[in-house]
Amino acid sequence: MTDKRRRIDIVLEPEYLDNLSGLDLDELRRRRHTAEDVESQISYYRRLLHGRMDLLNFELRRRGGEEERTLLEALPEILASGMVFGEEPNLRHIETMPPIPSKTGRRLIDKIMDDSVLTQLSDLSDDDVVEALDQIQEVETEMSNQRKQLHAVIDTLQSEIVARYRSEQGEATVPG
């Protein structure tokens, strides 16, 4: 029987980190890789949410008279404002690119990612825009908390792997 639970649920269960000293090094690496991949997916979704929040915040500023440009005129700047440039890419390679959630999904993120708010923005009242923004921020907060938990899992797995590299038993070898 196949496990139908989401990978994030599996990785964040306390059992995922049980008896690490009893696991072989390949299994530790596999678990760390899975946790890192899930963290990258969460980061990807958060990036999408941040883009939507930026668009809605701009629209509220425009409606409040703080902006004279249209959303379309400001779009390149809005979308670029969340980018961080440097030597490292913003998101590491994601082995399994997550699907962009559809509006028919059951999870709140699925409903948040529905673009009807953005496509009907001109028809929405200020209160509707604020409500949509509040919902997105709520989901982003939840995802940020999950991401912190994932970092703790990754750190725990990494610490176990490093401890084995440093052990006098010499059971771990650095992969080539």
C-alpha atoms as a PDB file:
ATOM      1  CA  MET A   1       0.000   0.000   0.000  1.00  0.00           C
ATOM      2  CA  THR A   2       1.357   3.417  -0.961  1.00  0.00           C
ATOM      3  CA  ASP A   3       1.660   6.210   1.568  1.00  0.00           C
ATOM      4  CA  LYS A   4      -0.849   8.889   0.498  1.00  0.00           C
ATOM      5  CA  ARG A   5       0.395  11.517   2.949  1.00  0.00           C
ATOM      6  CA  ARG A   6       2.140  14.609   1.674  1.00  0.00           C
ATOM      7  CA  ARG A   7       5.924  14.555   1.914  1.00  0.00           C
ATOM      8  CA  ILE A   8       5.918  17.582   4.225  1.00  0.00           C
ATOM      9  CA  ASP A   9       3.691  15.717   6.676  1.00  0.00           C
ATOM     10  CA  ILE A  10       6.031  12.733   6.620  1.00  0.00           C
ATOM     11  CA  VAL A  11       9.189  14.832   7.066  1.00  0.00           C
ATOM     12  CA  LEU A  12       7.724  16.875   9.936  1.00  0.00           C
ATOM     13  CA  GLU A  13       6.532  13.851  11.922  1.00  0.00           C
ATOM     14  CA  PRO A  14       8.715  13.238  14.994  1.00  0.00           C
ATOM     15  CA  GLU A  15       9.296   9.652  13.814  1.00  0.00           C
ATOM     16  CA  TYR A  16      11.269  10.986  10.849  1.00  0.00           C
ATOM     17  CA  LEU A  17      14.117  11.769  13.243  1.00  0.00           C
ATOM     18  CA  ASP A  18      13.734   8.738  15.522  1.00  0.00           C
ATOM     19  CA  ASN A  19      16.739   6.464  16.001  1.00  0.00           C
ATOM     20  CA  LEU A  20      19.042   8.335  13.627  1.00  0.00           C
ATOM     21  CA  SER A  21      22.056   6.551  15.076  1.00  0.00           C
ATOM     22  CA  GLY A  22      20.530   3.254  13.957  1.00  0.00           C
ATOM     23  CA  LEU A  23      20.163   4.335  10.332  1.00  0.00           C
ATOM     24  CA  ASP A  24      22.820   3.758   7.737  1.00  0.00           C
ATOM     25  CA  LEU A  25      24.472   6.751   6.137  1.00  0.00           C
ATOM     26  CA  ASP A  26      22.687   6.332   2.806  1.00  0.00           C
ATOM     27  CA  GLU A  27      19.306   6.494   4.557  1.00  0.00           C
ATOM     28  CA  LEU A  28      20.380   9.630   6.459  1.00  0.00           C
ATOM     29  CA  ARG A  29      21.420  11.265   3.206  1.00  0.00           C
ATOM     30  CA  ARG A  30      18.156  10.236   1.528  1.00  0.00           C
ATOM     31  CA  ARG A  31      16.129  11.751   4.371  1.00  0.00           C
ATOM     32  CA  ARG A  32      18.167  14.952   4.294  1.00  0.00           C
ATOM     33  CA  HIS A  33      17.728  15.207   0.519  1.00  0.00           C
ATOM     34  CA  THR A  34      13.957  14.703   0.846  1.00  0.00           C
ATOM     35  CA  ALA A  35      13.723  17.355   3.576  1.00  0.00           C
ATOM     36  CA  GLU A  36      15.787  19.804   1.489  1.00  0.00           C
ATOM     37  CA  ASP A  37      13.590  19.184  -1.552  1.00  0.00           C
ATOM     38  CA  VAL A  38      10.414  19.791   0.475  1.00  0.00           C
ATOM     39  CA  GLU A  39      11.948  22.980   1.904  1.00  0.00           C
ATOM     40  CA  SER A  40      12.698  24.197  -1.633  1.00  0.00           C
ATOM     41  CA  GLN A  41       9.105  23.561  -2.640  1.00  0.00           C
ATOM     42  CA  ILE A  42       7.817  25.502   0.364  1.00  0.00           C
ATOM     43  CA  SER A  43      10.191  28.341  -0.557  1.00  0.00           C
ATOM     44  CA  TYR A  44       8.824  28.270  -4.112  1.00  0.00           C
ATOM     45  CA  TYR A  45       5.233  28.536  -2.886  1.00  0.00           C
ATOM     46  CA  ARG A  46       6.189  31.340  -0.499  1.00  0.00           C
ATOM     47  CA  ARG A  47       7.782  33.231  -3.402  1.00  0.00           C
ATOM     48  CA  LEU A  48       4.499  32.948  -5.307  1.00  0.00           C
ATOM     49  CA  LEU A  49       2.568  34.180  -2.276  1.00  0.00           C
ATOM     50  CA  HIS A  50       4.941  37.121  -1.806  1.00  0.00           C
ATOM     51  CA  GLY A  51       4.391  38.122  -5.421  1.00  0.00           C
ATOM     52  CA  ARG A  52       0.634  38.145  -4.885  1.00  0.00           C
ATOM     53  CA  MET A  53       0.999  40.110  -1.655  1.00  0.00           C
ATOM     54  CA  ASP A  54       3.171  42.683  -3.444  1.00  0.00           C
ATOM     55  CA  LEU A  55       0.565  43.055  -6.201  1.00  0.00           C
ATOM     56  CA  LEU A  56      -2.317  43.477  -3.761  1.00  0.00           C
ATOM     57  CA  ASN A  57      -0.359  45.929  -1.597  1.00  0.00           C
ATOM     58  CA  PHE A  58       0.443  47.996  -4.676  1.00  0.00           C
ATOM     59  CA  GLU A  59      -3.219  48.021  -5.660  1.00  0.00           C
ATOM     60  CA  LEU A  60      -4.215  49.227  -2.194  1.00  0.00           C
ATOM     61  CA  ARG A  61      -1.587  51.998  -2.364  1.00  0.00           C
ATOM     62  CA  ARG A  62      -2.825  52.967  -5.834  1.00  0.00           C
ATOM     63  CA  ARG A  63      -6.397  53.133  -4.619  1.00  0.00           C
ATOM     64  CA  GLY A  64      -5.287  55.195  -1.636  1.00  0.00           C
ATOM     65  CA  GLY A  65      -3.655  57.761  -3.920  1.00  0.00           C
ATOM     66  CA  GLU A  66      -0.069  56.856  -3.035  1.00  0.00           C
ATOM     67  CA  GLU A  67       0.572  55.562  -6.578  1.00  0.00           C
ATOM     68  CA  GLU A  68      -0.304  57.132  -9.897  1.00  0.00           C
ATOM     69  CA  ARG A  69       0.860  54.287 -12.113  1.00  0.00           C
ATOM     70  CA  THR A  70      -1.432  51.472 -13.098  1.00  0.00           C
ATOM     71  CA  LEU A  71      -0.727  47.979 -11.851  1.00  0.00           C
ATOM     72  CA  LEU A  72       0.311  46.992 -15.368  1.00  0.00           C
ATOM     73  CA  GLU A  73       2.800  49.888 -15.573  1.00  0.00           C
ATOM     74  CA  ALA A  74       4.324  48.962 -12.230  1.00  0.00           C
ATOM     75  CA  LEU A  75       4.272  45.195 -12.781  1.00  0.00           C
ATOM     76  CA  PRO A  76       7.936  44.732 -13.808  1.00  0.00           C
ATOM     77  CA  GLU A  77       9.128  46.720 -10.793  1.00  0.00           C
ATOM     78  CA  ILE A  78       6.759  44.920  -8.414  1.00  0.00           C
ATOM     79  CA  LEU A  79       7.817  41.487  -9.591  1.00  0.00           C
ATOM     80  CA  ALA A  80      11.518  42.378  -9.529  1.00  0.00           C
ATOM     81  CA  SER A  81      11.376  43.933  -6.052  1.00  0.00           C
ATOM     82  CA  GLY A  82      11.295  40.554  -4.318  1.00  0.00           C
ATOM     83  CA  MET A  83      14.348  39.266  -6.142  1.00  0.00           C
ATOM     84  CA  VAL A  84      17.632  39.040  -4.295  1.00  0.00           C
ATOM     85  CA  PHE A  85      20.641  39.046  -6.523  1.00  0.00           C
ATOM     86  CA  GLY A  86      24.024  37.659  -5.622  1.00  0.00           C
ATOM     87  CA  GLU A  87      26.303  34.744  -6.233  1.00  0.00           C
ATOM     88  CA  GLU A  88      23.808  32.104  -5.121  1.00  0.00           C
ATOM     89  CA  PRO A  89      20.497  31.417  -6.844  1.00  0.00           C
ATOM     90  CA  ASN A  90      17.433  32.405  -4.851  1.00  0.00           C
ATOM     91  CA  LEU A  91      16.067  28.879  -4.889  1.00  0.00           C
ATOM     92  CA  ARG A  92      18.169  25.775  -5.081  1.00  0.00           C
ATOM     93  CA  HIS A  93      17.307  23.216  -7.736  1.00  0.00           C
ATOM     94  CA  ILE A  94      14.011  21.524  -6.988  1.00  0.00           C
ATOM     95  CA  GLU A  95      14.067  17.891  -8.002  1.00  0.00           C
ATOM     96  CA  THR A  96      10.293  17.690  -8.338  1.00  0.00           C
ATOM     97  CA  MET A  97       8.869  21.041  -9.374  1.00  0.00           C
ATOM     98  CA  PRO A  98       5.661  21.458  -7.428  1.00  0.00           C
ATOM     99  CA  PRO A  99       2.571  21.989  -9.475  1.00  0.00           C
ATOM    100  CA  ILE A 100       1.018  25.398  -9.125  1.00  0.00           C
ATOM    101  CA  PRO A 101      -2.036  24.614  -7.016  1.00  0.00           C
ATOM    102  CA  SER A 102      -5.346  24.716  -8.791  1.00  0.00           C
ATOM    103  CA  LYS A 103      -8.472  26.405  -7.522  1.00  0.00           C
ATOM    104  CA  THR A 104     -10.157  23.029  -7.244  1.00  0.00           C
ATOM    105  CA  GLY A 105      -7.787  21.808  -4.553  1.00  0.00           C
ATOM    106  CA  ARG A 106      -8.826  21.273  -0.958  1.00  0.00           C
ATOM    107  CA  ARG A 107      -5.931  23.026   0.750  1.00  0.00           C
ATOM    108  CA  LEU A 108      -6.037  26.719   1.551  1.00  0.00           C
ATOM    109  CA  ILE A 109      -2.915  27.273  -0.573  1.00  0.00           C
ATOM    110  CA  ASP A 110      -4.866  25.884  -3.547  1.00  0.00           C
ATOM    111  CA  LYS A 111      -7.567  28.484  -3.084  1.00  0.00           C
ATOM    112  CA  ILE A 112      -5.079  31.303  -2.439  1.00  0.00           C
ATOM    113  CA  MET A 113      -3.217  30.536  -5.658  1.00  0.00           C
ATOM    114  CA  ASP A 114      -6.441  30.918  -7.636  1.00  0.00           C
ATOM    115  CA  ASP A 115      -5.816  33.924  -9.863  1.00  0.00           C
ATOM    116  CA  SER A 116      -9.427  35.129  -9.863  1.00  0.00           C
ATOM    117  CA  VAL A 117      -8.544  37.782  -7.272  1.00  0.00           C
ATOM    118  CA  LEU A 118      -5.848  39.183  -9.548  1.00  0.00           C
ATOM    119  CA  THR A 119      -7.869  38.908 -12.751  1.00  0.00           C
ATOM    120  CA  GLN A 120     -10.903  40.566 -11.166  1.00  0.00           C
ATOM    121  CA  LEU A 121      -8.973  43.147  -9.162  1.00  0.00           C
ATOM    122  CA  SER A 122     -10.685  46.137 -10.745  1.00  0.00           C
ATOM    123  CA  ASP A 123     -14.095  44.716  -9.790  1.00  0.00           C
ATOM    124  CA  LEU A 124     -13.185  44.079  -6.145  1.00  0.00           C
ATOM    125  CA  SER A 125     -13.918  46.454  -3.316  1.00  0.00           C
ATOM    126  CA  ASP A 126     -11.115  47.673  -1.074  1.00  0.00           C
ATOM    127  CA  ASP A 127     -12.450  45.356   1.644  1.00  0.00           C
ATOM    128  CA  ASP A 128     -12.278  42.384  -0.756  1.00  0.00           C
ATOM    129  CA  VAL A 129      -8.663  43.205  -1.599  1.00  0.00           C
ATOM    130  CA  VAL A 130      -7.767  43.539   2.091  1.00  0.00           C
ATOM    131  CA  GLU A 131      -9.501  40.226   2.837  1.00  0.00           C
ATOM    132  CA  ALA A 132      -7.591  38.480   0.030  1.00  0.00           C
ATOM    133  CA  LEU A 133      -4.332  39.974   1.308  1.00  0.00           C
ATOM    134  CA  ASP A 134      -5.100  38.820   4.862  1.00  0.00           C
ATOM    135  CA  GLN A 135      -5.750  35.273   3.642  1.00  0.00           C
ATOM    136  CA  ILE A 136      -2.509  35.198   1.695  1.00  0.00           C
ATOM    137  CA  GLN A 137      -0.559  36.516   4.697  1.00  0.00           C
ATOM    138  CA  GLU A 138      -2.120  33.835   6.906  1.00  0.00           C
ATOM    139  CA  VAL A 139      -1.011  31.086   4.530  1.00  0.00           C
ATOM    140  CA  GLU A 140       2.448  32.655   4.185  1.00  0.00           C
ATOM    141  CA  THR A 141       2.825  32.674   7.979  1.00  0.00           C
ATOM    142  CA  GLU A 142       1.872  29.008   8.139  1.00  0.00           C
ATOM    143  CA  MET A 143       4.360  28.170   5.393  1.00  0.00           C
ATOM    144  CA  SER A 144       7.095  30.169   7.139  1.00  0.00           C
ATOM    145  CA  ASN A 145       6.510  28.121  10.279  1.00  0.00           C
ATOM    146  CA  GLN A 146       6.693  24.889   8.287  1.00  0.00           C
ATOM    147  CA  ARG A 147       9.897  26.097   6.668  1.00  0.00           C
ATOM    148  CA  LYS A 148      11.464  26.746  10.087  1.00  0.00           C
ATOM    149  CA  GLN A 149      10.483  23.242  11.175  1.00  0.00           C
ATOM    150  CA  LEU A 150      12.015  21.829   7.995  1.00  0.00           C
ATOM    151  CA  HIS A 151      15.263  23.682   8.696  1.00  0.00           C
ATOM    152  CA  ALA A 152      15.361  22.078  12.144  1.00  0.00           C
ATOM    153  CA  VAL A 153      14.905  18.616  10.574  1.00  0.00           C
ATOM    154  CA  ILE A 154      17.613  19.307   7.985  1.00  0.00           C
ATOM    155  CA  ASP A 155      19.991  20.600  10.683  1.00  0.00           C
ATOM    156  CA  THR A 156      19.397  17.505  12.830  1.00  0.00           C
ATOM    157  CA  LEU A 157      20.066  15.158   9.922  1.00  0.00           C
ATOM    158  CA  GLN A 158      23.134  17.156   8.878  1.00  0.00           C
ATOM    159  CA  SER A 159      24.497  17.051  12.424  1.00  0.00           C
ATOM    160  CA  GLU A 160      24.180  13.269  12.499  1.00  0.00           C
ATOM    161  CA  ILE A 161      25.942  12.966   9.142  1.00  0.00           C
ATOM    162  CA  VAL A 162      28.750  15.301  10.256  1.00  0.00           C
ATOM    163  CA  ALA A 163      29.123  13.389  13.524  1.00  0.00           C
ATOM    164  CA  ARG A 164      29.657  10.215  11.551  1.00  0.00           C
ATOM    165  CA  TYR A 165      32.276  11.880   9.355  1.00  0.00           C
ATOM    166  CA  ARG A 166      34.111  12.930  12.498  1.00  0.00           C
ATOM    167  CA  SER A 167      33.755   9.636  14.324  1.00  0.00           C
ATOM    168  CA  GLU A 168      36.791   7.527  14.928  1.00  0.00           C
ATOM    169  CA  GLN A 169      34.904   4.531  13.617  1.00  0.00           C
ATOM    170  CA  GLY A 170      35.443   5.818  10.110  1.00  0.00           C
ATOM    171  CA  GLU A 171      32.053   4.503   9.008  1.00  0.00           C
ATOM    172  CA  ALA A 172      31.335   7.564   6.871  1.00  0.00           C
ATOM    173  CA  THR A 173      33.138   8.458   3.725  1.00  0.00           C
ATOM    174  CA  VAL A 174      32.693  11.695   1.898  1.00  0.00           C
ATOM    175  CA  PRO A 175      31.009  10.951  -1.427  1.00  0.00           C
ATOM    176  CA  GLY A 176      33.090  11.800  -4.460  1.00  0.00           C
END
